[in-house]
Amino acid sequence: MLPVTLLQLKNLASYEKNLAKLIEYIEQSDPQSIIVAPELYITDFDYNNLDTACEFGEYAIKRLSEIVTTQTVILTFFRKIGSKIVNQAVAIHNRTVVHTQNKYKLFKFGNEDKHFSAGDGKDIEVFEVNGLKIAILICFELRFKELWHKLEGADIICVPSQWGEPRKRHLEILGSALAVMNQCYVAIANSSNSDMAKSTALYAPMGGVVIDDASESIESTIDLRQIKFMRKYLNLN
């Protein structure tokens, strides 16, 4: 069994307080946990302070890289790449950034395309940490079935999100469907801001779910034997 911690947090106005709260949860979580925080949890979508958000993002990544050892922490940041600003998912393990990927499918209803440059999708891929096959989709990307195909073979797909309350049921249906379709776990960490859906959950390949809209932290485990059983029992190849 591998522990998973999914954070369902509100964005505070202070970047520093958000980072401090994240570190507090990291320190409280099991030393072997996969920890997923909501999309842009540290800075929120602070389009009015892009330079500051990017600078603090670099500081936060450095700070987290100093304290994250046996755990794996996944969240997204504003990051500058040359003259472009991207919404980048970062996975940190053993004091190292072990994977990055830029948001490929921007949510135009939220004007993300006016502030971010889209990734090219080539970095949406399965990566390994201690033999565990991990993949990431960022919020809106969960809707695109062609991305599901790219992540076949993953043991767990992590989804840092700020998914709106009017589409709450969509988030739950898509998370469950992806877990069943790809025969893996799907770990969604969604914001609990007032206009957000919450619905932070861990979906299992057999169809089970751990979900709790009332908690800031959802603790569960993944069982790799369940993945192996499903892929042998219902061989889709």
C-alpha atoms as a PDB file:
ATOM      1  CA  MET A   1       0.000   0.000   0.000  1.00  0.00           C
ATOM      2  CA  LEU A   2       1.280   3.455  -0.919  1.00  0.00           C
ATOM      3  CA  PRO A   3      -0.133   6.475   0.964  1.00  0.00           C
ATOM      4  CA  VAL A   4      -1.657   9.392  -0.935  1.00  0.00           C
ATOM      5  CA  THR A   5      -2.461  12.864   0.421  1.00  0.00           C
ATOM      6  CA  LEU A   6      -4.763  15.068  -1.644  1.00  0.00           C
ATOM      7  CA  LEU A   7      -5.077  18.690  -0.545  1.00  0.00           C
ATOM      8  CA  GLN A   8      -8.349  20.585  -0.934  1.00  0.00           C
ATOM      9  CA  LEU A   9      -7.316  24.082   0.029  1.00  0.00           C
ATOM     10  CA  LYS A  10      -8.412  27.673  -0.460  1.00  0.00           C
ATOM     11  CA  ASN A  11      -5.968  30.165  -1.909  1.00  0.00           C
ATOM     12  CA  LEU A  12      -5.064  32.785   0.683  1.00  0.00           C
ATOM     13  CA  ALA A  13      -4.044  36.246  -0.492  1.00  0.00           C
ATOM     14  CA  SER A  14      -0.529  35.741   0.882  1.00  0.00           C
ATOM     15  CA  TYR A  15       1.781  33.559  -1.179  1.00  0.00           C
ATOM     16  CA  GLU A  16       3.906  33.029   1.923  1.00  0.00           C
ATOM     17  CA  LYS A  17       0.955  31.715   3.954  1.00  0.00           C
ATOM     18  CA  ASN A  18      -0.021  29.327   1.167  1.00  0.00           C
ATOM     19  CA  LEU A  19       3.506  27.949   0.992  1.00  0.00           C
ATOM     20  CA  ALA A  20       3.683  27.639   4.778  1.00  0.00           C
ATOM     21  CA  LYS A  21       0.419  25.699   4.854  1.00  0.00           C
ATOM     22  CA  LEU A  22       1.630  23.364   2.113  1.00  0.00           C
ATOM     23  CA  ILE A  23       4.850  22.710   4.021  1.00  0.00           C
ATOM     24  CA  GLU A  24       2.829  22.023   7.174  1.00  0.00           C
ATOM     25  CA  TYR A  25       0.835  19.333   5.358  1.00  0.00           C
ATOM     26  CA  ILE A  26       3.992  17.858   3.846  1.00  0.00           C
ATOM     27  CA  GLU A  27       5.529  17.566   7.302  1.00  0.00           C
ATOM     28  CA  GLN A  28       2.361  15.926   8.671  1.00  0.00           C
ATOM     29  CA  SER A  29       1.973  13.408   5.839  1.00  0.00           C
ATOM     30  CA  ASP A  30       3.368   9.885   5.705  1.00  0.00           C
ATOM     31  CA  PRO A  31       7.062   9.921   4.684  1.00  0.00           C
ATOM     32  CA  GLN A  32       6.249   7.829   1.602  1.00  0.00           C
ATOM     33  CA  SER A  33       3.191   9.827   0.473  1.00  0.00           C
ATOM     34  CA  ILE A  34       2.356  11.127  -2.937  1.00  0.00           C
ATOM     35  CA  ILE A  35       1.053  14.630  -2.149  1.00  0.00           C
ATOM     36  CA  VAL A  36      -0.991  16.570  -4.714  1.00  0.00           C
ATOM     37  CA  ALA A  37      -2.018  20.216  -4.234  1.00  0.00           C
ATOM     38  CA  PRO A  38      -4.572  22.203  -6.266  1.00  0.00           C
ATOM     39  CA  GLU A  39      -3.577  23.973  -9.468  1.00  0.00           C
ATOM     40  CA  LEU A  40      -1.567  27.164  -8.819  1.00  0.00           C
ATOM     41  CA  TYR A  41      -2.180  26.730  -5.103  1.00  0.00           C
ATOM     42  CA  ILE A  42       0.693  28.993  -4.014  1.00  0.00           C
ATOM     43  CA  THR A  43      -0.201  32.074  -6.079  1.00  0.00           C
ATOM     44  CA  ASP A  44      -3.686  31.404  -7.452  1.00  0.00           C
ATOM     45  CA  PHE A  45      -4.348  32.862 -10.936  1.00  0.00           C
ATOM     46  CA  ASP A  46      -2.812  36.191  -9.934  1.00  0.00           C
ATOM     47  CA  TYR A  47      -2.704  37.715 -13.408  1.00  0.00           C
ATOM     48  CA  ASN A  48      -2.259  41.222 -11.984  1.00  0.00           C
ATOM     49  CA  ASN A  49       1.141  40.313 -10.542  1.00  0.00           C
ATOM     50  CA  LEU A  50       2.661  37.959 -13.103  1.00  0.00           C
ATOM     51  CA  ASP A  51       6.298  38.825 -12.454  1.00  0.00           C
ATOM     52  CA  THR A  52       5.889  38.513  -8.703  1.00  0.00           C
ATOM     53  CA  ALA A  53       4.016  35.212  -9.066  1.00  0.00           C
ATOM     54  CA  CYS A  54       6.767  33.814 -11.290  1.00  0.00           C
ATOM     55  CA  GLU A  55       9.507  34.941  -8.915  1.00  0.00           C
ATOM     56  CA  PHE A  56       7.759  33.491  -5.881  1.00  0.00           C
ATOM     57  CA  GLY A  57       7.147  30.269  -7.783  1.00  0.00           C
ATOM     58  CA  GLU A  58      10.898  29.840  -8.270  1.00  0.00           C
ATOM     59  CA  TYR A  59      11.462  30.517  -4.581  1.00  0.00           C
ATOM     60  CA  ALA A  60       8.756  28.007  -3.604  1.00  0.00           C
ATOM     61  CA  ILE A  61      10.219  25.285  -5.837  1.00  0.00           C
ATOM     62  CA  LYS A  62      13.648  25.856  -4.282  1.00  0.00           C
ATOM     63  CA  ARG A  63      12.186  25.782  -0.771  1.00  0.00           C
ATOM     64  CA  LEU A  64      10.207  22.600  -1.413  1.00  0.00           C
ATOM     65  CA  SER A  65      13.248  20.971  -2.991  1.00  0.00           C
ATOM     66  CA  GLU A  66      15.078  21.525   0.288  1.00  0.00           C
ATOM     67  CA  ILE A  67      12.518  19.666   2.405  1.00  0.00           C
ATOM     68  CA  VAL A  68      10.923  16.990   0.178  1.00  0.00           C
ATOM     69  CA  THR A  69      12.887  13.746   0.477  1.00  0.00           C
ATOM     70  CA  THR A  70      11.070  10.387   0.388  1.00  0.00           C
ATOM     71  CA  GLN A  71       7.701  11.947  -0.473  1.00  0.00           C
ATOM     72  CA  THR A  72       6.621  12.997  -3.966  1.00  0.00           C
ATOM     73  CA  VAL A  73       4.936  16.416  -4.166  1.00  0.00           C
ATOM     74  CA  ILE A  74       3.010  17.551  -7.253  1.00  0.00           C
ATOM     75  CA  LEU A  75       1.533  21.012  -7.953  1.00  0.00           C
ATOM     76  CA  THR A  76       1.668  23.756 -10.581  1.00  0.00           C
ATOM     77  CA  PHE A  77       3.331  27.179 -10.801  1.00  0.00           C
ATOM     78  CA  PHE A  78       3.572  30.276 -12.970  1.00  0.00           C
ATOM     79  CA  ARG A  79       6.960  29.894 -14.680  1.00  0.00           C
ATOM     80  CA  LYS A  80       8.845  31.986 -17.225  1.00  0.00           C
ATOM     81  CA  ILE A  81      10.427  30.177 -20.146  1.00  0.00           C
ATOM     82  CA  GLY A  82      12.258  32.751 -22.187  1.00  0.00           C
ATOM     83  CA  SER A  83       9.687  35.436 -22.956  1.00  0.00           C
ATOM     84  CA  LYS A  84       6.729  33.122 -22.324  1.00  0.00           C
ATOM     85  CA  ILE A  85       4.785  32.411 -19.151  1.00  0.00           C
ATOM     86  CA  VAL A  86       3.423  28.895 -18.671  1.00  0.00           C
ATOM     87  CA  ASN A  87       1.363  27.051 -16.100  1.00  0.00           C
ATOM     88  CA  GLN A  88       3.809  24.278 -15.270  1.00  0.00           C
ATOM     89  CA  ALA A  89       3.278  21.123 -13.242  1.00  0.00           C
ATOM     90  CA  VAL A  90       6.277  20.219 -11.104  1.00  0.00           C
ATOM     91  CA  ALA A  91       6.959  16.893  -9.375  1.00  0.00           C
ATOM     92  CA  ILE A  92       9.521  16.993  -6.557  1.00  0.00           C
ATOM     93  CA  HIS A  93      11.131  13.920  -4.980  1.00  0.00           C
ATOM     94  CA  ASN A  94      14.394  13.352  -3.125  1.00  0.00           C
ATOM     95  CA  ARG A  95      15.125  17.101  -3.094  1.00  0.00           C
ATOM     96  CA  THR A  96      14.967  17.118  -6.898  1.00  0.00           C
ATOM     97  CA  VAL A  97      12.496  18.255  -9.559  1.00  0.00           C
ATOM     98  CA  VAL A  98      11.965  14.904 -11.266  1.00  0.00           C
ATOM     99  CA  HIS A  99       9.374  15.964 -13.849  1.00  0.00           C
ATOM    100  CA  THR A 100       7.884  19.118 -15.347  1.00  0.00           C
ATOM    101  CA  GLN A 101       5.146  19.621 -17.915  1.00  0.00           C
ATOM    102  CA  ASN A 102       3.466  22.713 -19.252  1.00  0.00           C
ATOM    103  CA  LYS A 103      -0.310  22.999 -19.409  1.00  0.00           C
ATOM    104  CA  TYR A 104      -1.255  22.051 -22.946  1.00  0.00           C
ATOM    105  CA  LYS A 105      -5.034  22.587 -22.975  1.00  0.00           C
ATOM    106  CA  LEU A 106      -5.754  26.083 -21.693  1.00  0.00           C
ATOM    107  CA  PHE A 107      -9.208  26.940 -20.342  1.00  0.00           C
ATOM    108  CA  LYS A 108     -10.299  29.769 -22.618  1.00  0.00           C
ATOM    109  CA  PHE A 109     -13.484  30.465 -20.641  1.00  0.00           C
ATOM    110  CA  GLY A 110     -11.141  31.555 -17.854  1.00  0.00           C
ATOM    111  CA  ASN A 111      -8.985  33.634 -20.257  1.00  0.00           C
ATOM    112  CA  GLU A 112      -5.964  31.413 -19.607  1.00  0.00           C
ATOM    113  CA  ASP A 113      -4.984  31.768 -23.267  1.00  0.00           C
ATOM    114  CA  LYS A 114      -4.589  35.530 -22.757  1.00  0.00           C
ATOM    115  CA  HIS A 115      -1.971  35.078 -20.027  1.00  0.00           C
ATOM    116  CA  PHE A 116      -0.287  31.705 -20.595  1.00  0.00           C
ATOM    117  CA  SER A 117       1.514  30.148 -23.514  1.00  0.00           C
ATOM    118  CA  ALA A 118       0.280  26.610 -24.110  1.00  0.00           C
ATOM    119  CA  GLY A 119       2.668  23.682 -23.919  1.00  0.00           C
ATOM    120  CA  ASP A 120       3.214  21.479 -26.951  1.00  0.00           C
ATOM    121  CA  GLY A 121       1.943  18.332 -25.238  1.00  0.00           C
ATOM    122  CA  LYS A 122       5.188  16.412 -25.757  1.00  0.00           C
ATOM    123  CA  ASP A 123       5.974  16.466 -22.027  1.00  0.00           C
ATOM    124  CA  ILE A 124       2.659  14.819 -21.111  1.00  0.00           C
ATOM    125  CA  GLU A 125       4.067  11.387 -20.429  1.00  0.00           C
ATOM    126  CA  VAL A 126       4.474   8.712 -17.797  1.00  0.00           C
ATOM    127  CA  PHE A 127       7.486   9.067 -15.499  1.00  0.00           C
ATOM    128  CA  GLU A 128       8.767   6.853 -12.698  1.00  0.00           C
ATOM    129  CA  VAL A 129       9.618   7.457  -9.067  1.00  0.00           C
ATOM    130  CA  ASN A 130      10.992   4.412  -7.236  1.00  0.00           C
ATOM    131  CA  GLY A 131       9.353   2.156  -9.818  1.00  0.00           C
ATOM    132  CA  LEU A 132       5.923   3.796  -9.475  1.00  0.00           C
ATOM    133  CA  LYS A 133       4.574   4.990 -12.832  1.00  0.00           C
ATOM    134  CA  ILE A 134       3.132   8.481 -12.409  1.00  0.00           C
ATOM    135  CA  ALA A 135       1.417  10.828 -14.856  1.00  0.00           C
ATOM    136  CA  ILE A 136      -0.101  14.299 -14.609  1.00  0.00           C
ATOM    137  CA  LEU A 137      -3.005  16.115 -16.227  1.00  0.00           C
ATOM    138  CA  ILE A 138      -3.666  19.737 -15.289  1.00  0.00           C
ATOM    139  CA  CYS A 139      -7.332  20.516 -14.611  1.00  0.00           C
ATOM    140  CA  PHE A 140      -9.090  21.144 -18.002  1.00  0.00           C
ATOM    141  CA  GLU A 141      -6.798  18.583 -19.675  1.00  0.00           C
ATOM    142  CA  LEU A 142      -8.841  15.863 -17.963  1.00  0.00           C
ATOM    143  CA  ARG A 143     -11.525  16.385 -20.629  1.00  0.00           C
ATOM    144  CA  PHE A 144      -9.376  15.280 -23.590  1.00  0.00           C
ATOM    145  CA  LYS A 145      -9.467  11.581 -24.387  1.00  0.00           C
ATOM    146  CA  GLU A 146      -6.414  11.771 -26.648  1.00  0.00           C
ATOM    147  CA  LEU A 147      -4.407  12.651 -23.532  1.00  0.00           C
ATOM    148  CA  TRP A 148      -5.783   9.591 -21.740  1.00  0.00           C
ATOM    149  CA  HIS A 149      -4.164   7.444 -24.437  1.00  0.00           C
ATOM    150  CA  LYS A 150      -0.787   9.096 -23.846  1.00  0.00           C
ATOM    151  CA  LEU A 151      -0.925   8.053 -20.195  1.00  0.00           C
ATOM    152  CA  GLU A 152      -1.780   4.374 -20.649  1.00  0.00           C
ATOM    153  CA  GLY A 153       0.334   2.238 -18.342  1.00  0.00           C
ATOM    154  CA  ALA A 154       0.501   4.783 -15.515  1.00  0.00           C
ATOM    155  CA  ASP A 155      -0.187   3.464 -12.011  1.00  0.00           C
ATOM    156  CA  ILE A 156      -1.548   6.819 -10.848  1.00  0.00           C
ATOM    157  CA  ILE A 157      -2.616   9.940 -12.750  1.00  0.00           C
ATOM    158  CA  CYS A 158      -2.440  13.109 -10.617  1.00  0.00           C
ATOM    159  CA  VAL A 159      -4.708  16.025 -11.478  1.00  0.00           C
ATOM    160  CA  PRO A 160      -3.994  19.388  -9.780  1.00  0.00           C
ATOM    161  CA  SER A 161      -7.100  21.466 -10.474  1.00  0.00           C
ATOM    162  CA  GLN A 162      -9.107  24.620 -10.053  1.00  0.00           C
ATOM    163  CA  TRP A 163     -12.338  23.190 -11.427  1.00  0.00           C
ATOM    164  CA  GLY A 164     -15.461  25.341 -11.198  1.00  0.00           C
ATOM    165  CA  GLU A 165     -18.505  24.424  -9.121  1.00  0.00           C
ATOM    166  CA  PRO A 166     -21.004  24.539 -12.054  1.00  0.00           C
ATOM    167  CA  ARG A 167     -19.164  21.588 -13.634  1.00  0.00           C
ATOM    168  CA  LYS A 168     -18.671  19.621 -10.387  1.00  0.00           C
ATOM    169  CA  ARG A 169     -20.404  16.491 -11.664  1.00  0.00           C
ATOM    170  CA  HIS A 170     -18.255  16.523 -14.803  1.00  0.00           C
ATOM    171  CA  LEU A 171     -15.109  16.406 -12.684  1.00  0.00           C
ATOM    172  CA  GLU A 172     -16.383  13.421 -10.740  1.00  0.00           C
ATOM    173  CA  ILE A 173     -17.534  11.516 -13.839  1.00  0.00           C
ATOM    174  CA  LEU A 174     -14.295  12.144 -15.733  1.00  0.00           C
ATOM    175  CA  GLY A 175     -12.098  11.141 -12.793  1.00  0.00           C
ATOM    176  CA  SER A 176     -13.978   7.887 -12.332  1.00  0.00           C
ATOM    177  CA  ALA A 177     -14.076   7.146 -16.069  1.00  0.00           C
ATOM    178  CA  LEU A 178     -10.337   7.706 -16.492  1.00  0.00           C
ATOM    179  CA  ALA A 179      -9.540   5.362 -13.589  1.00  0.00           C
ATOM    180  CA  VAL A 180     -11.725   2.612 -15.067  1.00  0.00           C
ATOM    181  CA  MET A 181     -10.631   3.178 -18.662  1.00  0.00           C
ATOM    182  CA  ASN A 182      -6.872   3.286 -17.966  1.00  0.00           C
ATOM    183  CA  GLN A 183      -7.133   0.729 -15.149  1.00  0.00           C
ATOM    184  CA  CYS A 184      -5.202   2.932 -12.744  1.00  0.00           C
ATOM    185  CA  TYR A 185      -5.705   5.294  -9.825  1.00  0.00           C
ATOM    186  CA  VAL A 186      -6.702   8.902 -10.506  1.00  0.00           C
ATOM    187  CA  ALA A 187      -5.857  11.442  -7.790  1.00  0.00           C
ATOM    188  CA  ILE A 188      -7.656  14.774  -8.127  1.00  0.00           C
ATOM    189  CA  ALA A 189      -6.715  17.699  -5.859  1.00  0.00           C
ATOM    190  CA  ASN A 190      -9.167  20.530  -6.421  1.00  0.00           C
ATOM    191  CA  SER A 191      -9.424  23.985  -4.898  1.00  0.00           C
ATOM    192  CA  SER A 192     -11.992  24.725  -2.181  1.00  0.00           C
ATOM    193  CA  ASN A 193     -12.356  28.394  -3.131  1.00  0.00           C
ATOM    194  CA  SER A 194     -15.992  29.509  -2.965  1.00  0.00           C
ATOM    195  CA  ASP A 195     -16.545  29.163  -6.717  1.00  0.00           C
ATOM    196  CA  MET A 196     -14.761  25.819  -7.026  1.00  0.00           C
ATOM    197  CA  ALA A 197     -16.224  22.295  -7.152  1.00  0.00           C
ATOM    198  CA  LYS A 198     -14.113  20.718  -4.398  1.00  0.00           C
ATOM    199  CA  SER A 199     -14.671  16.997  -5.278  1.00  0.00           C
ATOM    200  CA  THR A 200     -11.069  16.180  -4.376  1.00  0.00           C
ATOM    201  CA  ALA A 201     -10.918  12.404  -4.673  1.00  0.00           C
ATOM    202  CA  LEU A 202      -8.936   9.241  -5.245  1.00  0.00           C
ATOM    203  CA  TYR A 203     -10.539   6.970  -7.845  1.00  0.00           C
ATOM    204  CA  ALA A 204      -9.582   3.294  -8.036  1.00  0.00           C
ATOM    205  CA  PRO A 205      -9.379   1.071 -11.143  1.00  0.00           C
ATOM    206  CA  MET A 206     -12.159  -1.165  -9.764  1.00  0.00           C
ATOM    207  CA  GLY A 207     -14.472   1.867  -9.563  1.00  0.00           C
ATOM    208  CA  GLY A 208     -14.123   2.725  -5.877  1.00  0.00           C
ATOM    209  CA  VAL A 209     -13.665   6.289  -4.682  1.00  0.00           C
ATOM    210  CA  VAL A 210     -12.509   8.170  -1.584  1.00  0.00           C
ATOM    211  CA  ILE A 211     -14.017  11.669  -1.615  1.00  0.00           C
ATOM    212  CA  ASP A 212     -14.765  14.270   1.065  1.00  0.00           C
ATOM    213  CA  ASP A 213     -15.801  17.844   0.291  1.00  0.00           C
ATOM    214  CA  ALA A 214     -15.546  18.847   3.955  1.00  0.00           C
ATOM    215  CA  SER A 215     -11.849  18.149   4.503  1.00  0.00           C
ATOM    216  CA  GLU A 216      -8.714  20.090   3.638  1.00  0.00           C
ATOM    217  CA  SER A 217      -6.762  16.853   3.327  1.00  0.00           C
ATOM    218  CA  ILE A 218      -7.986  13.524   1.966  1.00  0.00           C
ATOM    219  CA  GLU A 219      -5.774  10.633   3.061  1.00  0.00           C
ATOM    220  CA  SER A 220      -5.907   7.259   1.334  1.00  0.00           C
ATOM    221  CA  THR A 221      -3.725   4.545  -0.186  1.00  0.00           C
ATOM    222  CA  ILE A 222      -3.181   2.932  -3.562  1.00  0.00           C
ATOM    223  CA  ASP A 223      -2.806  -0.804  -3.955  1.00  0.00           C
ATOM    224  CA  LEU A 224      -0.653  -1.806  -6.922  1.00  0.00           C
ATOM    225  CA  ARG A 225      -2.085  -5.325  -6.698  1.00  0.00           C
ATOM    226  CA  GLN A 226      -5.491  -3.949  -7.700  1.00  0.00           C
ATOM    227  CA  ILE A 227      -3.984  -2.450 -10.847  1.00  0.00           C
ATOM    228  CA  LYS A 228      -2.273  -5.719 -11.766  1.00  0.00           C
ATOM    229  CA  PHE A 229      -5.467  -7.679 -11.088  1.00  0.00           C
ATOM    230  CA  MET A 230      -7.624  -5.434 -13.283  1.00  0.00           C
ATOM    231  CA  ARG A 231      -5.157  -5.440 -16.154  1.00  0.00           C
ATOM    232  CA  LYS A 232      -4.938  -9.233 -16.054  1.00  0.00           C
ATOM    233  CA  TYR A 233      -8.671  -9.814 -15.390  1.00  0.00           C
ATOM    234  CA  LEU A 234      -9.807  -7.421 -18.130  1.00  0.00           C
ATOM    235  CA  ASN A 235      -6.932  -7.420 -20.597  1.00  0.00           C
ATOM    236  CA  LEU A 236      -7.738  -4.576 -22.982  1.00  0.00           C
ATOM    237  CA  ASN A 237      -4.716  -5.101 -25.239  1.00  0.00           C
END
